[in-house]
PDB file of N, CA and C in Angstrom:
ATOM      1  N   MET A   1     114.583 107.476  92.448  1.00  0.00           N
ATOM      2  CA  MET A   1     114.440 106.699  93.675  1.00  0.00           C
ATOM      3  C   MET A   1     113.565 105.483  93.362  1.00  0.00           C
ATOM      4  N   SER A   2     114.048 104.310  93.712  1.00  0.00           N
ATOM      5  CA  SER A   2     113.303 103.084  93.440  1.00  0.00           C
ATOM      6  C   SER A   2     112.215 102.886  94.497  1.00  0.00           C
ATOM      7  N   SER A   3     111.313 101.961  94.242  1.00  0.00           N
ATOM      8  CA  SER A   3     110.257 101.682  95.213  1.00  0.00           C
ATOM      9  C   SER A   3     110.838 101.083  96.488  1.00  0.00           C
ATOM     10  N   ASP A   4     111.930 100.317  96.360  1.00  0.00           N
ATOM     11  CA  ASP A   4     112.597  99.786  97.556  1.00  0.00           C
ATOM     12  C   ASP A   4     113.217 100.898  98.388  1.00  0.00           C
ATOM     13  N   ASP A   5     113.819 101.879  97.712  1.00  0.00           N
ATOM     14  CA  ASP A   5     114.400 103.022  98.427  1.00  0.00           C
ATOM     15  C   ASP A   5     113.319 103.795  99.168  1.00  0.00           C
ATOM     16  N   LEU A   6     112.193 103.999  98.509  1.00  0.00           N
ATOM     17  CA  LEU A   6     111.079 104.727  99.127  1.00  0.00           C
ATOM     18  C   LEU A   6     110.538 103.957 100.324  1.00  0.00           C
ATOM     19  N   GLU A   7     110.376 102.660 100.181  1.00  0.00           N
ATOM     20  CA  GLU A   7     109.880 101.841 101.279  1.00  0.00           C
ATOM     21  C   GLU A   7     110.865 101.856 102.455  1.00  0.00           C
ATOM     22  N   ASN A   8     112.163 101.767 102.170  1.00  0.00           N
ATOM     23  CA  ASN A   8     113.172 101.827 103.229  1.00  0.00           C
ATOM     24  C   ASN A   8     113.167 103.177 103.939  1.00  0.00           C
ATOM     25  N   TYR A   9     112.980 104.262 103.165  1.00  0.00           N
ATOM     26  CA  TYR A   9     112.902 105.604 103.750  1.00  0.00           C
ATOM     27  C   TYR A   9     111.698 105.712 104.679  1.00  0.00           C
ATOM     28  N   GLU A  10     110.536 105.242 104.221  1.00  0.00           N
ATOM     29  CA  GLU A  10     109.328 105.317 105.044  1.00  0.00           C
ATOM     30  C   GLU A  10     109.458 104.464 106.305  1.00  0.00           C
ATOM     31  N   THR A  11     110.058 103.300 106.172  1.00  0.00           N
ATOM     32  CA  THR A  11     110.266 102.434 107.336  1.00  0.00           C
ATOM     33  C   THR A  11     111.192 103.103 108.345  1.00  0.00           C
ATOM     34  N   ALA A  12     112.277 103.706 107.863  1.00  0.00           N
ATOM     35  CA  ALA A  12     113.210 104.399 108.759  1.00  0.00           C
ATOM     36  C   ALA A  12     112.540 105.592 109.435  1.00  0.00           C
ATOM     37  N   ALA A  13     111.705 106.330 108.691  1.00  0.00           N
ATOM     38  CA  ALA A  13     111.006 107.485 109.261  1.00  0.00           C
ATOM     39  C   ALA A  13     110.022 107.046 110.340  1.00  0.00           C
ATOM     40  N   GLU A  14     109.298 105.958 110.103  1.00  0.00           N
ATOM     41  CA  GLU A  14     108.342 105.452 111.091  1.00  0.00           C
ATOM     42  C   GLU A  14     109.061 104.948 112.345  1.00  0.00           C
ATOM     43  N   LEU A  15     110.197 104.302 112.164  1.00  0.00           N
ATOM     44  CA  LEU A  15     110.970 103.831 113.307  1.00  0.00           C
ATOM     45  C   LEU A  15     111.506 105.011 114.126  1.00  0.00           C
ATOM     46  N   ALA A  16     111.980 106.045 113.450  1.00  0.00           N
ATOM     47  CA  ALA A  16     112.456 107.247 114.147  1.00  0.00           C
ATOM     48  C   ALA A  16     111.318 107.918 114.916  1.00  0.00           C
ATOM     49  N   LEU A  17     110.120 107.945 114.326  1.00  0.00           N
ATOM     50  CA  LEU A  17     108.959 108.531 114.989  1.00  0.00           C
ATOM     51  C   LEU A  17     108.598 107.725 116.236  1.00  0.00           C
ATOM     52  N   TYR A  18     108.602 106.404 116.125  1.00  0.00           N
ATOM     53  CA  TYR A  18     108.322 105.568 117.288  1.00  0.00           C
ATOM     54  C   TYR A  18     109.341 105.810 118.400  1.00  0.00           C
ATOM     55  N   ARG A  19     110.604 105.911 118.031  1.00  0.00           N
ATOM     56  CA  ARG A  19     111.643 106.158 119.040  1.00  0.00           C
ATOM     57  C   ARG A  19     111.447 107.512 119.709  1.00  0.00           C
ATOM     58  N   GLU A  20     111.060 108.518 118.925  1.00  0.00           N
ATOM     59  CA  GLU A  20     110.785 109.833 119.505  1.00  0.00           C
ATOM     60  C   GLU A  20     109.606 109.742 120.470  1.00  0.00           C
ATOM     61  N   TYR A  21     108.550 109.038 120.060  1.00  0.00           N
ATOM     62  CA  TYR A  21     107.381 108.835 120.926  1.00  0.00           C
ATOM     63  C   TYR A  21     107.806 108.184 122.242  1.00  0.00           C
ATOM     64  N   ARG A  22     108.596 107.136 122.165  1.00  0.00           N
ATOM     65  CA  ARG A  22     109.056 106.422 123.350  1.00  0.00           C
ATOM     66  C   ARG A  22     109.841 107.348 124.273  1.00  0.00           C
ATOM     67  N   ASP A  23     110.604 108.267 123.678  1.00  0.00           N
ATOM     68  CA  ASP A  23     111.412 109.194 124.477  1.00  0.00           C
ATOM     69  C   ASP A  23     110.577 110.284 125.147  1.00  0.00           C
ATOM     70  N   VAL A  24     109.467 110.696 124.534  1.00  0.00           N
ATOM     71  CA  VAL A  24     108.700 111.829 125.068  1.00  0.00           C
ATOM     72  C   VAL A  24     107.435 111.445 125.816  1.00  0.00           C
ATOM     73  N   VAL A  25     106.963 110.214 125.689  1.00  0.00           N
ATOM     74  CA  VAL A  25     105.673 109.846 126.276  1.00  0.00           C
ATOM     75  C   VAL A  25     105.613 110.122 127.777  1.00  0.00           C
ATOM     76  N   GLY A  26     106.712 109.974 128.485  1.00  0.00           N
ATOM     77  CA  GLY A  26     106.728 110.220 129.926  1.00  0.00           C
ATOM     78  C   GLY A  26     106.561 111.673 130.319  1.00  0.00           C
ATOM     79  N   LEU A  27     106.632 112.579 129.351  1.00  0.00           N
ATOM     80  CA  LEU A  27     106.483 114.007 129.631  1.00  0.00           C
ATOM     81  C   LEU A  27     105.029 114.468 129.602  1.00  0.00           C
ATOM     82  N   PHE A  28     104.113 113.570 129.204  1.00  0.00           N
ATOM     83  CA  PHE A  28     102.735 113.979 128.972  1.00  0.00           C
ATOM     84  C   PHE A  28     101.756 113.233 129.863  1.00  0.00           C
ATOM     85  N   GLN A  29     100.589 113.850 130.059  1.00  0.00           N
ATOM     86  CA  GLN A  29      99.569 113.312 130.953  1.00  0.00           C
ATOM     87  C   GLN A  29      98.450 112.593 130.205  1.00  0.00           C
ATOM     88  N   TYR A  30      98.181 112.987 128.946  1.00  0.00           N
ATOM     89  CA  TYR A  30      97.047 112.421 128.206  1.00  0.00           C
ATOM     90  C   TYR A  30      97.455 111.938 126.822  1.00  0.00           C
ATOM     91  N   VAL A  31      96.726 110.932 126.363  1.00  0.00           N
ATOM     92  CA  VAL A  31      96.787 110.466 124.991  1.00  0.00           C
ATOM     93  C   VAL A  31      95.432 110.791 124.371  1.00  0.00           C
ATOM     94  N   VAL A  32      95.449 111.441 123.208  1.00  0.00           N
ATOM     95  CA  VAL A  32      94.214 111.799 122.515  1.00  0.00           C
ATOM     96  C   VAL A  32      94.299 111.231 121.105  1.00  0.00           C
ATOM     97  N   GLU A  33      93.254 110.492 120.725  1.00  0.00           N
ATOM     98  CA  GLU A  33      93.212 109.906 119.394  1.00  0.00           C
ATOM     99  C   GLU A  33      91.966 110.396 118.668  1.00  0.00           C
ATOM    100  N   THR A  34      92.182 110.946 117.484  1.00  0.00           N
ATOM    101  CA  THR A  34      91.081 111.355 116.616  1.00  0.00           C
ATOM    102  C   THR A  34      91.151 110.510 115.351  1.00  0.00           C
ATOM    103  N   GLU A  35      90.235 110.725 114.429  1.00  0.00           N
ATOM    104  CA  GLU A  35      90.250 109.931 113.199  1.00  0.00           C
ATOM    105  C   GLU A  35      91.454 110.245 112.321  1.00  0.00           C
ATOM    106  N   ARG A  36      92.088 111.378 112.523  1.00  0.00           N
ATOM    107  CA  ARG A  36      93.214 111.775 111.677  1.00  0.00           C
ATOM    108  C   ARG A  36      94.565 111.738 112.361  1.00  0.00           C
ATOM    109  N   ARG A  37      94.606 111.912 113.680  1.00  0.00           N
ATOM    110  CA  ARG A  37      95.885 112.052 114.364  1.00  0.00           C
ATOM    111  C   ARG A  37      95.863 111.393 115.737  1.00  0.00           C
ATOM    112  N   PHE A  38      97.058 111.250 116.273  1.00  0.00           N
ATOM    113  CA  PHE A  38      97.310 110.739 117.614  1.00  0.00           C
ATOM    114  C   PHE A  38      98.150 111.801 118.308  1.00  0.00           C
ATOM    115  N   TYR A  39      97.768 112.196 119.517  1.00  0.00           N
ATOM    116  CA  TYR A  39      98.447 113.277 120.236  1.00  0.00           C
ATOM    117  C   TYR A  39      98.808 112.824 121.641  1.00  0.00           C
ATOM    118  N   LEU A  40      99.868 113.405 122.159  1.00  0.00           N
ATOM    119  CA  LEU A  40     100.179 113.380 123.578  1.00  0.00           C
ATOM    120  C   LEU A  40     100.046 114.820 124.043  1.00  0.00           C
ATOM    121  N   CYS A  41      99.482 115.043 125.228  1.00  0.00           N
ATOM    122  CA  CYS A  41      99.352 116.424 125.700  1.00  0.00           C
ATOM    123  C   CYS A  41      99.273 116.446 127.220  1.00  0.00           C
ATOM    124  N   ASN A  42      99.405 117.649 127.770  1.00  0.00           N
ATOM    125  CA  ASN A  42      99.331 117.811 129.219  1.00  0.00           C
ATOM    126  C   ASN A  42      98.004 118.384 129.692  1.00  0.00           C
ATOM    127  N   LYS A  43      97.240 118.938 128.773  1.00  0.00           N
ATOM    128  CA  LYS A  43      95.915 119.452 129.127  1.00  0.00           C
ATOM    129  C   LYS A  43      95.009 119.221 127.931  1.00  0.00           C
ATOM    130  N   VAL A  44      93.806 118.730 128.205  1.00  0.00           N
ATOM    131  CA  VAL A  44      92.855 118.486 127.126  1.00  0.00           C
ATOM    132  C   VAL A  44      91.460 118.886 127.589  1.00  0.00           C
ATOM    133  N   ASP A  45      90.723 119.503 126.686  1.00  0.00           N
ATOM    134  CA  ASP A  45      89.348 119.909 126.957  1.00  0.00           C
ATOM    135  C   ASP A  45      88.486 119.424 125.804  1.00  0.00           C
ATOM    136  N   LEU A  46      87.465 118.621 126.122  1.00  0.00           N
ATOM    137  CA  LEU A  46      86.545 118.100 125.111  1.00  0.00           C
ATOM    138  C   LEU A  46      85.184 118.749 125.302  1.00  0.00           C
ATOM    139  N   GLN A  47      84.690 119.362 124.258  1.00  0.00           N
ATOM    140  CA  GLN A  47      83.364 119.980 124.276  1.00  0.00           C
ATOM    141  C   GLN A  47      82.498 119.317 123.211  1.00  0.00           C
ATOM    142  N   VAL A  48      81.308 118.913 123.605  1.00  0.00           N
ATOM    143  CA  VAL A  48      80.350 118.348 122.658  1.00  0.00           C
ATOM    144  C   VAL A  48      79.459 119.487 122.202  1.00  0.00           C
ATOM    145  N   ARG A  49      79.395 119.683 120.892  1.00  0.00           N
ATOM    146  CA  ARG A  49      78.629 120.791 120.317  1.00  0.00           C
ATOM    147  C   ARG A  49      77.506 120.245 119.448  1.00  0.00           C
ATOM    148  N   ALA A  50      76.456 121.020 119.306  1.00  0.00           N
ATOM    149  CA  ALA A  50      75.350 120.650 118.432  1.00  0.00           C
ATOM    150  C   ALA A  50      75.080 121.800 117.477  1.00  0.00           C
ATOM    151  N   SER A  51      74.859 121.443 116.228  1.00  0.00           N
ATOM    152  CA  SER A  51      74.540 122.432 115.203  1.00  0.00           C
ATOM    153  C   SER A  51      73.449 121.839 114.324  1.00  0.00           C
ATOM    154  N   GLY A  52      72.271 122.416 114.424  1.00  0.00           N
ATOM    155  CA  GLY A  52      71.147 121.811 113.711  1.00  0.00           C
ATOM    156  C   GLY A  52      70.865 120.449 114.318  1.00  0.00           C
ATOM    157  N   GLY A  53      70.867 119.419 113.508  1.00  0.00           N
ATOM    158  CA  GLY A  53      70.667 118.065 114.011  1.00  0.00           C
ATOM    159  C   GLY A  53      71.959 117.300 114.186  1.00  0.00           C
ATOM    160  N   ASP A  54      73.086 117.947 113.922  1.00  0.00           N
ATOM    161  CA  ASP A  54      74.379 117.265 113.997  1.00  0.00           C
ATOM    162  C   ASP A  54      75.083 117.529 115.331  1.00  0.00           C
ATOM    163  N   VAL A  55      75.817 116.539 115.790  1.00  0.00           N
ATOM    164  CA  VAL A  55      76.645 116.674 116.981  1.00  0.00           C
ATOM    165  C   VAL A  55      78.096 116.533 116.543  1.00  0.00           C
ATOM    166  N   TYR A  56      78.950 117.421 117.052  1.00  0.00           N
ATOM    167  CA  TYR A  56      80.371 117.320 116.747  1.00  0.00           C
ATOM    168  C   TYR A  56      81.173 117.595 118.017  1.00  0.00           C
ATOM    169  N   PHE A  57      82.455 117.291 117.942  1.00  0.00           N
ATOM    170  CA  PHE A  57      83.343 117.424 119.090  1.00  0.00           C
ATOM    171  C   PHE A  57      84.392 118.487 118.803  1.00  0.00           C
ATOM    172  N   GLU A  58      84.642 119.308 119.809  1.00  0.00           N
ATOM    173  CA  GLU A  58      85.719 120.291 119.743  1.00  0.00           C
ATOM    174  C   GLU A  58      86.721 119.933 120.839  1.00  0.00           C
ATOM    175  N   VAL A  59      87.929 119.603 120.435  1.00  0.00           N
ATOM    176  CA  VAL A  59      88.979 119.186 121.363  1.00  0.00           C
ATOM    177  C   VAL A  59      90.077 120.237 121.332  1.00  0.00           C
ATOM    178  N   THR A  60      90.431 120.745 122.510  1.00  0.00           N
ATOM    179  CA  THR A  60      91.527 121.701 122.625  1.00  0.00           C
ATOM    180  C   THR A  60      92.602 121.074 123.511  1.00  0.00           C
ATOM    181  N   MET A  61      93.831 121.090 123.007  1.00  0.00           N
ATOM    182  CA  MET A  61      94.960 120.508 123.741  1.00  0.00           C
ATOM    183  C   MET A  61      96.051 121.550 123.912  1.00  0.00           C
ATOM    184  N   THR A  62      96.754 121.458 125.035  1.00  0.00           N
ATOM    185  CA  THR A  62      97.868 122.356 125.339  1.00  0.00           C
ATOM    186  C   THR A  62      99.130 121.529 125.537  1.00  0.00           C
ATOM    187  N   ASP A  63     100.262 122.099 125.102  1.00  0.00           N
ATOM    188  CA  ASP A  63     101.557 121.421 125.205  1.00  0.00           C
ATOM    189  C   ASP A  63     101.456 120.019 124.615  1.00  0.00           C
ATOM    190  N   ALA A  64     101.319 119.954 123.310  1.00  0.00           N
ATOM    191  CA  ALA A  64     101.042 118.685 122.637  1.00  0.00           C
ATOM    192  C   ALA A  64     102.206 118.222 121.772  1.00  0.00           C
ATOM    193  N   TRP A  65     102.253 116.916 121.592  1.00  0.00           N
ATOM    194  CA  TRP A  65     103.166 116.254 120.660  1.00  0.00           C
ATOM    195  C   TRP A  65     102.285 115.519 119.672  1.00  0.00           C
ATOM    196  N   VAL A  66     102.535 115.695 118.379  1.00  0.00           N
ATOM    197  CA  VAL A  66     101.679 115.142 117.329  1.00  0.00           C
ATOM    198  C   VAL A  66     102.380 113.966 116.663  1.00  0.00           C
ATOM    199  N   TRP A  67     101.688 112.816 116.608  1.00  0.00           N
ATOM    200  CA  TRP A  67     102.228 111.645 115.904  1.00  0.00           C
ATOM    201  C   TRP A  67     101.950 111.853 114.423  1.00  0.00           C
ATOM    202  N   ASP A  68     102.943 112.317 113.717  1.00  0.00           N
ATOM    203  CA  ASP A  68     102.813 112.544 112.279  1.00  0.00           C
ATOM    204  C   ASP A  68     104.209 112.460 111.681  1.00  0.00           C
ATOM    205  N   VAL A  69     104.453 111.421 110.923  1.00  0.00           N
ATOM    206  CA  VAL A  69     105.780 111.153 110.380  1.00  0.00           C
ATOM    207  C   VAL A  69     106.250 112.260 109.440  1.00  0.00           C
ATOM    208  N   TYR A  70     105.325 113.010 108.853  1.00  0.00           N
ATOM    209  CA  TYR A  70     105.693 114.023 107.866  1.00  0.00           C
ATOM    210  C   TYR A  70     105.846 115.433 108.436  1.00  0.00           C
ATOM    211  N   ARG A  71     105.593 115.609 109.736  1.00  0.00           N
ATOM    212  CA  ARG A  71     105.780 116.922 110.371  1.00  0.00           C
ATOM    213  C   ARG A  71     107.216 117.084 110.812  1.00  0.00           C
ATOM    214  N   SER A  72     107.785 118.232 110.551  1.00  0.00           N
ATOM    215  CA  SER A  72     109.145 118.486 111.033  1.00  0.00           C
ATOM    216  C   SER A  72     109.124 118.956 112.487  1.00  0.00           C
ATOM    217  N   ALA A  73     108.075 119.662 112.884  1.00  0.00           N
ATOM    218  CA  ALA A  73     107.934 120.140 114.269  1.00  0.00           C
ATOM    219  C   ALA A  73     106.722 119.454 114.886  1.00  0.00           C
ATOM    220  N   ARG A  74     106.968 118.467 115.739  1.00  0.00           N
ATOM    221  CA  ARG A  74     105.859 117.717 116.330  1.00  0.00           C
ATOM    222  C   ARG A  74     105.397 118.286 117.662  1.00  0.00           C
ATOM    223  N   LEU A  75     106.215 119.092 118.319  1.00  0.00           N
ATOM    224  CA  LEU A  75     105.806 119.730 119.572  1.00  0.00           C
ATOM    225  C   LEU A  75     105.106 121.040 119.261  1.00  0.00           C
ATOM    226  N   VAL A  76     103.881 121.184 119.748  1.00  0.00           N
ATOM    227  CA  VAL A  76     103.110 122.403 119.486  1.00  0.00           C
ATOM    228  C   VAL A  76     102.517 122.922 120.786  1.00  0.00           C
ATOM    229  N   LYS A  77     102.379 124.236 120.868  1.00  0.00           N
ATOM    230  CA  LYS A  77     101.859 124.880 122.085  1.00  0.00           C
ATOM    231  C   LYS A  77     100.380 124.575 122.298  1.00  0.00           C
ATOM    232  N   SER A  78      99.583 124.648 121.230  1.00  0.00           N
ATOM    233  CA  SER A  78      98.156 124.338 121.372  1.00  0.00           C
ATOM    234  C   SER A  78      97.612 123.753 120.071  1.00  0.00           C
ATOM    235  N   VAL A  79      96.600 122.919 120.237  1.00  0.00           N
ATOM    236  CA  VAL A  79      95.952 122.261 119.104  1.00  0.00           C
ATOM    237  C   VAL A  79      94.447 122.356 119.315  1.00  0.00           C
ATOM    238  N   ARG A  80      93.734 122.621 118.247  1.00  0.00           N
ATOM    239  CA  ARG A  80      92.267 122.611 118.290  1.00  0.00           C
ATOM    240  C   ARG A  80      91.790 121.711 117.155  1.00  0.00           C
ATOM    241  N   VAL A  81      90.983 120.719 117.512  1.00  0.00           N
ATOM    242  CA  VAL A  81      90.446 119.771 116.537  1.00  0.00           C
ATOM    243  C   VAL A  81      88.931 119.842 116.603  1.00  0.00           C
ATOM    244  N   VAL A  82      88.298 119.943 115.451  1.00  0.00           N
ATOM    245  CA  VAL A  82      86.843 119.888 115.345  1.00  0.00           C
ATOM    246  C   VAL A  82      86.525 118.687 114.465  1.00  0.00           C
ATOM    247  N   THR A  83      85.708 117.766 114.992  1.00  0.00           N
ATOM    248  CA  THR A  83      85.437 116.534 114.261  1.00  0.00           C
ATOM    249  C   THR A  83      84.029 116.012 114.537  1.00  0.00           C
ATOM    250  N   PHE A  84      83.489 115.332 113.560  1.00  0.00           N
ATOM    251  CA  PHE A  84      82.219 114.638 113.719  1.00  0.00           C
ATOM    252  C   PHE A  84      82.456 113.173 114.112  1.00  0.00           C
ATOM    253  N   LYS A  85      83.703 112.751 114.085  1.00  0.00           N
ATOM    254  CA  LYS A  85      84.064 111.357 114.380  1.00  0.00           C
ATOM    255  C   LYS A  85      84.383 111.184 115.858  1.00  0.00           C
ATOM    256  N   ASP A  86      84.600 109.934 116.248  1.00  0.00           N
ATOM    257  CA  ASP A  86      84.917 109.610 117.640  1.00  0.00           C
ATOM    258  C   ASP A  86      86.240 110.231 118.074  1.00  0.00           C
ATOM    259  N   VAL A  87      86.318 110.553 119.360  1.00  0.00           N
ATOM    260  CA  VAL A  87      87.541 111.042 119.993  1.00  0.00           C
ATOM    261  C   VAL A  87      87.786 110.166 121.215  1.00  0.00           C
ATOM    262  N   ASN A  88      89.007 109.678 121.344  1.00  0.00           N
ATOM    263  CA  ASN A  88      89.376 108.852 122.483  1.00  0.00           C
ATOM    264  C   ASN A  88      90.413 109.611 123.315  1.00  0.00           C
ATOM    265  N   ILE A  89      90.144 109.763 124.612  1.00  0.00           N
ATOM    266  CA  ILE A  89      91.059 110.448 125.519  1.00  0.00           C
ATOM    267  C   ILE A  89      91.381 109.493 126.661  1.00  0.00           C
ATOM    268  N   GLU A  90      92.670 109.290 126.882  1.00  0.00           N
ATOM    269  CA  GLU A  90      93.115 108.427 127.975  1.00  0.00           C
ATOM    270  C   GLU A  90      94.120 109.179 128.831  1.00  0.00           C
ATOM    271  N   GLU A  91      94.007 109.009 130.137  1.00  0.00           N
ATOM    272  CA  GLU A  91      94.988 109.600 131.042  1.00  0.00           C
ATOM    273  C   GLU A  91      96.098 108.589 131.270  1.00  0.00           C
ATOM    274  N   LEU A  92      97.329 109.031 131.082  1.00  0.00           N
ATOM    275  CA  LEU A  92      98.481 108.160 131.274  1.00  0.00           C
ATOM    276  C   LEU A  92      98.761 107.993 132.758  1.00  0.00           C
ATOM    277  N   SER A  93      99.317 106.876 133.122  1.00  0.00           N
ATOM    278  CA  SER A  93      99.654 106.583 134.508  1.00  0.00           C
ATOM    279  C   SER A  93     100.955 107.282 134.895  1.00  0.00           C
ATOM    280  N   ASP A  94     101.010 107.787 136.121  1.00  0.00           N
ATOM    281  CA  ASP A  94     102.256 108.363 136.640  1.00  0.00           C
ATOM    282  C   ASP A  94     103.234 107.276 137.043  1.00  0.00           C
ATOM    283  N   ASN A  95     102.711 106.079 137.269  1.00  0.00           N
ATOM    284  CA  ASN A  95     103.516 104.957 137.753  1.00  0.00           C
ATOM    285  C   ASN A  95     103.984 104.127 136.565  1.00  0.00           C
ATOM    286  N   ASP A  96     105.286 104.134 136.291  1.00  0.00           N
ATOM    287  CA  ASP A  96     105.837 103.368 135.180  1.00  0.00           C
ATOM    288  C   ASP A  96     105.586 101.871 135.332  1.00  0.00           C
ATOM    289  N   ASP A  97     105.467 101.389 136.567  1.00  0.00           N
ATOM    290  CA  ASP A  97     105.242  99.961 136.796  1.00  0.00           C
ATOM    291  C   ASP A  97     103.826  99.546 136.405  1.00  0.00           C
ATOM    292  N   ALA A  98     102.915 100.499 136.299  1.00  0.00           N
ATOM    293  CA  ALA A  98     101.533 100.178 135.968  1.00  0.00           C
ATOM    294  C   ALA A  98     101.370  99.858 134.484  1.00  0.00           C
ATOM    295  N   ILE A  99     102.316 100.262 133.663  1.00  0.00           N
ATOM    296  CA  ILE A  99     102.256  99.989 132.239  1.00  0.00           C
ATOM    297  C   ILE A  99     103.135  98.780 131.955  1.00  0.00           C
ATOM    298  N   PRO A 100     102.526  97.670 131.534  1.00  0.00           N
ATOM    299  CA  PRO A 100     103.339  96.467 131.323  1.00  0.00           C
ATOM    300  C   PRO A 100     104.262  96.612 130.119  1.00  0.00           C
ATOM    301  N   ASP A 101     105.387  95.956 130.196  1.00  0.00           N
ATOM    302  CA  ASP A 101     106.342  95.914 129.093  1.00  0.00           C
ATOM    303  C   ASP A 101     105.747  95.030 127.999  1.00  0.00           C
ATOM    304  N   ILE A 102     105.817  95.461 126.759  1.00  0.00           N
ATOM    305  CA  ILE A 102     105.233  94.712 125.644  1.00  0.00           C
ATOM    306  C   ILE A 102     105.826  93.308 125.556  1.00  0.00           C
ATOM    307  N   ARG A 103     107.088  93.155 125.926  1.00  0.00           N
ATOM    308  CA  ARG A 103     107.720  91.830 125.896  1.00  0.00           C
ATOM    309  C   ARG A 103     107.067  90.898 126.894  1.00  0.00           C
ATOM    310  N   GLN A 104     106.602  91.429 128.039  1.00  0.00           N
ATOM    311  CA  GLN A 104     105.924  90.604 129.020  1.00  0.00           C
ATOM    312  C   GLN A 104     104.560  90.166 128.507  1.00  0.00           C
ATOM    313  N   LEU A 105     103.875  91.051 127.779  1.00  0.00           N
ATOM    314  CA  LEU A 105     102.563  90.707 127.239  1.00  0.00           C
ATOM    315  C   LEU A 105     102.668  89.627 126.173  1.00  0.00           C
ATOM    316  N   ARG A 106     103.702  89.679 125.351  1.00  0.00           N
ATOM    317  CA  ARG A 106     103.888  88.684 124.296  1.00  0.00           C
ATOM    318  C   ARG A 106     104.129  87.293 124.890  1.00  0.00           C
ATOM    319  N   GLY A 107     104.747  87.250 126.067  1.00  0.00           N
ATOM    320  CA  GLY A 107     105.060  85.975 126.695  1.00  0.00           C
ATOM    321  C   GLY A 107     103.856  85.286 127.293  1.00  0.00           C
ATOM    322  N   ARG A 108     102.758  86.002 127.410  1.00  0.00           N
ATOM    323  CA  ARG A 108     101.544  85.430 128.032  1.00  0.00           C
ATOM    324  C   ARG A 108     100.796  84.565 127.066  1.00  0.00           C
TER     325      ARG A 108
END
């Protein structure tokens, strides 16, 4: 396999992942971003923990979709992440009109 073939394969896989994301995003209530992964889920619980002098985060998600191009099964029943890094949690809007179309943003 040439480097061009590999690059074309990776590009096609990333495009397929984006299309899958676009198709499923409306099924979920939250977006969760950690230093390693991006998730969509319907329930999320964030707990701040302390151990000694360190603070870490424990994130538990239910009914999740994992943004990972190399996973064959991206829908999972539950996910638990423990991290010392930042965690970003956003609630998605129920109103499709509240999320601007990217083409409209580019025109501004």
